[in-house]
Protein backbone atom coordinates (compact mmCIF):
# COMPACT_ATOMS: atom_id res chain seq x y z
CA UNK A 1 -27.06 -9.71 -4.46
CA UNK A 2 -25.30 -10.15 -1.13
CA UNK A 3 -21.93 -9.34 -2.77
CA UNK A 4 -23.35 -6.07 -4.04
CA UNK A 5 -24.78 -5.27 -0.68
CA UNK A 6 -21.43 -5.88 1.00
CA UNK A 7 -19.55 -3.89 -1.53
CA UNK A 8 -19.76 -0.45 0.14
CA UNK A 9 -18.52 -2.06 3.44
CA UNK A 10 -15.65 -3.72 1.59
CA UNK A 11 -14.65 -0.44 -0.08
CA UNK A 12 -14.83 1.37 3.27
CA UNK A 13 -12.68 -1.21 5.02
CA UNK A 14 -10.11 -1.20 2.25
CA UNK A 15 -10.03 2.62 2.30
CA UNK A 16 -8.86 2.43 5.91
CA UNK A 17 -5.45 1.26 4.58
CA UNK A 18 -4.54 4.46 2.59
CA UNK A 19 -6.11 6.63 5.31
CA UNK A 20 -3.70 5.01 7.77
CA UNK A 21 -0.76 5.38 5.42
CA UNK A 22 -1.49 9.09 5.32
CA UNK A 23 -0.28 9.31 8.86
CA UNK A 24 3.06 7.77 7.92
CA UNK A 25 4.60 11.08 6.95
CA UNK A 26 3.74 12.86 10.25
CA UNK A 27 4.92 9.89 12.30
CA UNK A 28 8.18 9.70 10.34
CA UNK A 29 9.07 13.39 10.65
CA UNK A 30 7.86 13.92 14.20
CA UNK A 31 8.71 10.77 16.04
CA UNK A 32 11.36 8.71 14.28
CA UNK A 33 15.16 8.97 14.11
CA UNK A 34 16.29 11.31 11.29
CA UNK A 35 17.77 10.03 7.99
CA UNK A 36 17.17 6.31 8.65
CA UNK A 37 14.75 5.30 5.82
CA UNK A 38 16.06 1.68 5.52
CA UNK A 39 16.03 0.99 9.27
CA UNK A 40 12.52 2.43 9.43
CA UNK A 41 11.43 0.21 6.52
CA UNK A 42 12.75 -2.89 8.39
CA UNK A 43 11.03 -1.89 11.60
CA UNK A 44 7.72 -1.29 9.79
CA UNK A 45 7.77 -4.52 7.79
CA UNK A 46 9.58 -7.30 9.52
CA UNK A 47 7.87 -7.27 12.90
CA UNK A 48 4.43 -7.03 11.30
CA UNK A 49 5.25 -9.83 8.91
CA UNK A 50 6.46 -12.22 11.64
CA UNK A 51 3.45 -11.44 13.72
CA UNK A 52 0.96 -12.13 10.86
CA UNK A 53 2.97 -15.29 9.94
CA UNK A 54 2.60 -16.58 13.51
CA UNK A 55 -1.16 -15.90 13.30
CA UNK A 56 -1.70 -17.46 9.84
CA UNK A 57 0.75 -20.36 10.35
CA UNK A 58 0.87 -21.05 6.66
CA UNK A 59 4.12 -21.05 4.52
CA UNK A 60 4.31 -20.74 0.71
CA UNK A 61 4.99 -23.80 -1.37
CA UNK A 62 6.36 -24.46 -4.76
CA UNK A 63 6.21 -21.50 -7.17
CA UNK A 64 4.75 -19.32 -4.43
CA UNK A 65 8.12 -18.95 -2.69
CA UNK A 66 9.27 -16.99 -5.72
CA UNK A 67 6.00 -15.15 -6.22
CA UNK A 68 5.96 -14.14 -2.56
CA UNK A 69 9.51 -12.86 -2.87
CA UNK A 70 8.64 -10.83 -5.96
CA UNK A 71 5.49 -9.36 -4.38
CA UNK A 72 7.39 -8.72 -1.24
CA UNK A 73 10.12 -6.83 -3.06
CA UNK A 74 7.64 -4.65 -5.10
CA UNK A 75 5.10 -3.89 -2.36
CA UNK A 76 7.46 -3.78 0.63
CA UNK A 77 11.21 -4.35 0.04
CA UNK A 78 11.55 -1.50 -2.56
CA UNK A 79 8.45 0.47 -1.70
CA UNK A 80 9.16 1.06 2.04
CA UNK A 81 12.74 2.45 1.70
CA UNK A 82 11.73 4.72 -1.26
CA UNK A 83 8.68 5.90 0.56
CA UNK A 84 10.63 6.76 3.72
CA UNK A 85 13.38 8.36 1.66
CA UNK A 86 10.86 10.63 0.03
CA UNK A 87 9.21 11.33 3.34
CA UNK A 88 12.53 12.41 4.85
CA UNK A 89 13.42 14.72 1.92
CA UNK A 90 10.01 16.25 1.01
CA UNK A 91 7.16 17.95 2.91
CA UNK A 92 4.58 15.56 4.07
CA UNK A 93 1.97 16.46 1.42
CA UNK A 94 4.47 16.48 -1.39
CA UNK A 95 6.00 13.18 -0.39
CA UNK A 96 2.53 11.71 -0.88
CA UNK A 97 1.33 13.61 -3.94
CA UNK A 98 3.30 11.56 -6.41
CA UNK A 99 1.35 8.55 -5.24
CA UNK A 100 -1.77 10.21 -6.78
CA UNK A 101 -0.58 9.03 -10.16
CA UNK A 102 -0.92 5.47 -9.01
CA UNK A 103 -4.36 4.94 -10.64
CA UNK A 104 -2.83 5.83 -14.00
CA UNK A 105 0.20 3.47 -13.46
CA UNK A 106 -2.20 0.70 -12.47
CA UNK A 107 -4.56 1.39 -15.38
CA UNK A 108 -1.64 0.98 -17.85
CA UNK A 109 -0.32 -2.09 -16.16
CA UNK A 110 -3.73 -3.68 -15.86
CA UNK A 111 -4.12 -3.30 -19.63
CA UNK A 112 -0.81 -5.03 -20.22
CA UNK A 113 -0.93 -7.82 -17.55
CA UNK A 114 -4.65 -8.24 -16.91
CA UNK A 115 -6.06 -7.53 -20.30
CA UNK A 116 -8.33 -4.84 -18.70
CA UNK A 117 -8.42 -2.04 -21.21
CA UNK A 118 -8.82 1.27 -19.27
CA UNK A 119 -12.03 3.19 -20.05
CA UNK A 120 -11.82 6.81 -20.87
CA UNK A 121 -13.62 7.65 -17.66
CA UNK A 122 -10.91 5.80 -15.74
CA UNK A 123 -8.16 7.89 -17.32
CA UNK A 124 -9.98 11.17 -16.87
CA UNK A 125 -10.77 10.26 -13.25
CA UNK A 126 -7.12 9.39 -12.62
CA UNK A 127 -6.00 12.69 -14.11
CA UNK A 128 -8.53 14.52 -11.95
CA UNK A 129 -7.27 12.79 -8.86
CA UNK A 130 -3.63 13.64 -9.67
CA UNK A 131 -4.61 17.22 -10.41
CA UNK A 132 -6.59 17.56 -7.18
CA UNK A 133 -3.82 16.20 -4.97
CA UNK A 134 -1.30 18.43 -6.83
CA UNK A 135 -3.31 21.48 -5.90
CA UNK A 136 -3.14 20.50 -2.26
CA UNK A 137 0.64 20.87 -2.34
CA UNK A 138 0.86 23.70 -4.89
CA UNK A 139 2.50 26.17 -2.46
CA UNK A 140 5.38 23.69 -1.81
CA UNK A 141 6.30 23.39 -5.53
CA UNK A 142 9.20 25.84 -5.23
CA UNK A 143 10.99 23.74 -2.55
CA UNK A 144 11.08 20.35 -4.33
CA UNK A 145 14.06 18.00 -3.73
CA UNK A 146 14.95 16.05 -6.92
CA UNK A 147 16.03 12.84 -5.05
CA UNK A 148 12.89 12.98 -2.96
CA UNK A 149 10.67 13.31 -6.09
CA UNK A 150 12.47 10.46 -7.89
CA UNK A 151 12.15 8.25 -4.83
CA UNK A 152 8.40 8.98 -4.62
CA UNK A 153 7.93 8.21 -8.31
CA UNK A 154 9.85 4.95 -7.98
CA UNK A 155 7.85 4.03 -4.83
CA UNK A 156 4.58 4.58 -6.73
CA UNK A 157 5.70 2.48 -9.69
CA UNK A 158 6.82 -0.32 -7.47
CA UNK A 159 3.61 -0.42 -5.46
CA UNK A 160 1.49 -0.13 -8.62
CA UNK A 161 3.27 -3.09 -10.21
CA UNK A 162 2.88 -5.05 -7.00
CA UNK A 163 -0.80 -4.27 -6.90
CA UNK A 164 -1.49 -5.51 -10.46
CA UNK A 165 0.67 -8.66 -10.01
CA UNK A 166 -1.12 -9.37 -6.67
CA UNK A 167 -4.44 -9.25 -8.71
CA UNK A 168 -2.96 -11.40 -11.57
CA UNK A 169 -1.57 -14.14 -9.36
CA UNK A 170 -4.40 -14.17 -6.77
CA UNK A 171 -3.73 -16.54 -3.82
CA UNK A 172 -3.05 -20.25 -3.55
CA UNK A 173 -6.27 -22.18 -2.89
CA UNK A 174 -6.97 -22.44 0.84
CA UNK A 175 -4.72 -19.43 1.64
CA UNK A 176 -6.36 -16.24 2.82
CA UNK A 177 -5.14 -12.61 2.63
CA UNK A 178 -3.72 -12.78 6.10
CA UNK A 179 -1.15 -15.37 4.99
CA UNK A 180 -0.40 -13.59 1.72
CA UNK A 181 0.22 -10.32 3.66
CA UNK A 182 2.47 -12.15 6.07
CA UNK A 183 4.57 -13.63 3.28
CA UNK A 184 5.05 -10.29 1.54
CA UNK A 185 5.87 -8.28 4.75
CA UNK A 186 8.33 -10.95 5.94
CA UNK A 187 10.04 -11.33 2.53
CA UNK A 188 10.18 -7.57 1.95
CA UNK A 189 11.51 -6.88 5.49
CA UNK A 190 14.28 -9.55 5.09
CA UNK A 191 15.28 -8.01 1.76
CA UNK A 192 15.77 -4.63 3.44
CA UNK A 193 17.85 -5.88 6.35
CA UNK A 194 21.23 -6.40 4.62
CA UNK A 195 20.86 -3.16 2.65
CA UNK A 196 20.09 -1.27 5.82
CA UNK A 197 23.14 -2.67 7.60
CA UNK A 198 25.42 -1.90 4.63
CA UNK A 199 24.14 1.60 4.00
CA UNK A 200 23.13 2.88 7.44
CA UNK A 201 25.17 0.70 9.80
CA UNK A 202 24.05 -0.42 13.21
CA UNK A 203 20.56 0.46 14.41
CA UNK A 204 20.23 3.89 16.18
CA UNK A 205 19.41 4.30 19.86
CA UNK A 206 15.64 4.73 20.28
CA UNK A 207 13.83 6.86 22.83
CA UNK A 208 10.25 6.38 23.95
CA UNK A 209 8.77 8.47 21.06
CA UNK A 210 10.55 6.41 18.47
CA UNK A 211 9.51 3.14 20.02
CA UNK A 212 5.87 4.30 20.06
CA UNK A 213 6.20 5.44 16.54
CA UNK A 214 7.57 2.16 15.30
CA UNK A 215 4.89 0.21 17.23
CA UNK A 216 2.20 2.19 15.54
CA UNK A 217 3.76 1.76 12.07
CA UNK A 218 4.26 -1.99 12.51
CA UNK A 219 0.85 -2.76 13.97
CA UNK A 220 -1.88 -0.40 12.80
CA UNK A 221 -0.14 1.16 9.82
CA UNK A 222 1.25 -2.07 8.35
CA UNK A 223 -0.05 -5.32 9.79
CA UNK A 224 -3.71 -4.28 9.87
CA UNK A 225 -3.64 -1.88 6.91
CA UNK A 226 -1.88 -4.22 4.51
CA UNK A 227 -4.18 -7.10 5.45
CA UNK A 228 -7.12 -4.81 4.56
CA UNK A 229 -5.45 -3.70 1.36
CA UNK A 230 -4.64 -7.13 0.00
CA UNK A 231 -8.13 -8.38 1.04
CA UNK A 232 -9.56 -5.62 -1.04
CA UNK A 233 -7.34 -6.46 -4.05
CA UNK A 234 -8.68 -9.95 -3.99
CA UNK A 235 -12.33 -8.80 -4.05
CA UNK A 236 -12.28 -5.54 -6.08
CA UNK A 237 -10.66 -4.56 -9.35
CA UNK A 238 -7.10 -3.37 -9.25
CA UNK A 239 -8.13 0.04 -10.66
CA UNK A 240 -10.89 0.41 -8.01
CA UNK A 241 -8.49 -0.36 -5.20
CA UNK A 242 -5.78 2.02 -6.44
CA UNK A 243 -8.35 4.85 -6.79
CA UNK A 244 -8.49 4.79 -2.98
CA UNK A 245 -4.78 5.78 -2.91
CA UNK A 246 -5.39 9.52 -3.04
CA UNK A 247 -6.95 9.21 0.42
CA UNK A 248 -3.35 8.89 1.71
CA UNK A 249 -2.12 12.31 0.61
CA UNK A 250 -5.41 13.92 1.61
CA UNK A 251 -5.09 12.39 5.09
CA UNK A 252 -1.51 13.64 5.23
CA UNK A 253 -2.59 17.17 4.40
CA UNK A 254 -5.43 17.12 7.01
CA UNK A 255 -3.00 15.82 9.63
CA UNK A 256 -0.51 18.53 8.72
CA UNK A 257 -3.25 21.24 9.10
CA UNK A 258 -4.84 19.78 12.30
CA UNK A 259 -1.76 18.54 14.14
CA UNK A 260 1.36 20.21 12.72
CA UNK A 261 -0.02 23.78 12.29
CA UNK A 262 0.28 23.78 8.48
CA UNK A 263 -2.12 26.17 6.73
CA UNK A 264 -4.53 25.23 3.93
CA UNK A 265 -5.38 27.82 1.20
CA UNK A 266 -8.64 27.93 -0.73
CA UNK A 267 -6.89 26.42 -3.64
CA UNK A 268 -5.66 23.52 -1.61
CA UNK A 269 -9.17 22.90 -0.22
CA UNK A 270 -10.50 22.92 -3.77
CA UNK A 271 -7.87 20.38 -4.66
CA UNK A 272 -8.83 18.17 -1.73
CA UNK A 273 -12.53 18.29 -2.84
CA UNK A 274 -11.49 17.41 -6.46
CA UNK A 275 -9.24 14.53 -5.35
CA UNK A 276 -11.82 13.10 -2.95
CA UNK A 277 -14.53 13.32 -5.65
CA UNK A 278 -12.29 11.41 -8.07
CA UNK A 279 -11.70 8.77 -5.39
CA UNK A 280 -15.50 8.32 -4.96
CA UNK A 281 -16.09 8.41 -8.70
CA UNK A 282 -13.49 5.78 -9.19
CA UNK A 283 -15.56 3.34 -7.14
CA UNK A 284 -18.66 3.78 -9.38
CA UNK A 285 -17.35 2.05 -12.48
CA UNK A 286 -17.83 -1.51 -13.59
CA UNK A 287 -18.00 -3.85 -10.59
CA UNK A 288 -15.73 -6.75 -9.85
CA UNK A 289 -13.30 -6.74 -12.75
CA UNK A 290 -11.09 -9.71 -13.52
CA UNK A 291 -11.51 -12.35 -10.78
CA UNK A 292 -8.49 -13.46 -8.90
CA UNK A 293 -7.02 -16.76 -9.95
CA UNK A 294 -7.57 -18.11 -6.41
CA UNK A 295 -11.29 -17.39 -6.73
CA UNK A 296 -11.46 -19.33 -10.02
CA UNK A 297 -9.54 -22.19 -8.40
CA UNK A 298 -11.73 -22.36 -5.35
CA UNK A 299 -14.84 -22.70 -7.54
CA UNK A 300 -13.24 -25.40 -9.63
CA UNK A 301 -11.42 -27.38 -6.91
CA UNK A 302 -13.01 -26.42 -3.63
CA UNK A 303 -11.20 -28.27 -0.76
CA UNK A 304 -8.01 -28.89 -2.67
CA UNK A 305 -4.97 -27.30 -1.07
CA UNK A 306 -2.75 -26.34 -4.07
CA UNK A 307 -0.25 -23.84 -2.84
CA UNK A 308 0.17 -23.57 0.96
CA UNK A 309 1.75 -25.75 3.46
CA UNK A 310 1.11 -25.59 7.18
CA UNK A 311 3.74 -25.12 9.76
CA UNK A 312 3.61 -27.78 12.54
CA UNK A 313 0.16 -27.63 14.27
CA UNK A 314 -0.99 -24.88 11.92
CA UNK A 315 -4.55 -23.82 11.52
CA UNK A 316 -6.12 -23.05 8.04
CA UNK A 317 -4.84 -19.80 6.69
CA UNK A 318 -7.57 -17.07 7.04
CA UNK A 319 -8.04 -13.45 6.19
């Protein structure tokens, strides 16, 4: 009963993550150095990961070193550079719209990896969400950049796979979402560093606007947002969580209209209503879904620390 009562609050807190990510496109194009997607990925992931690692003070152990590296690569190491590449090459709304197919990606992957057969309503809601977000950027369809579109598709596929694997693997017993987020951000950031140096060379000179933009991306947009996101994945179904994804392009469109002077046509407004309705409808399906392995493990072996090791003087990992 208490879990059901807290569910709307959990959904609302998890939704803050994609809402925050919707501001990424405006920050990238307005504040950050041009054509540095890899450096921007490093600056967004690594400082946030190291900060959360210092707070959690828990390191992976055993198989979780490999799992953390895989999740870090999918959710961060590949996703961030592809996301910023698409943001640099496409209009803000269009850079985000491809992410609206995320629920369909996740529904298919959840069927393969979690054994969760997607219901017809899930597929129809996913199509409605993608259609609604597409209508929001309909007027930009004639100016698409092929590389940008492919990067956005690849970013969506990477994040969708990472979301489902995060649900499949759960967390080690005694390790909270804060530590899991720290592992992924740190691993993903470290994976991007050598590629950024090889492809883009030395870091660019930063002015005050860029420093402020990177601080925002690292703290609010990444450290806090990803902690909320992975916390939500642990407590909601993977499909429920990913249906919050359309809030990101909708936020990007609203910011473009309110702050960047971009116009919204009646068709775009109708698309926003459709996409938002699909997002809400996506939360009204079966509750809970497949429990995370860590939840099962905690019920069976409460108090046994199976997968995390403390750094010297560490506190218990918490989310």
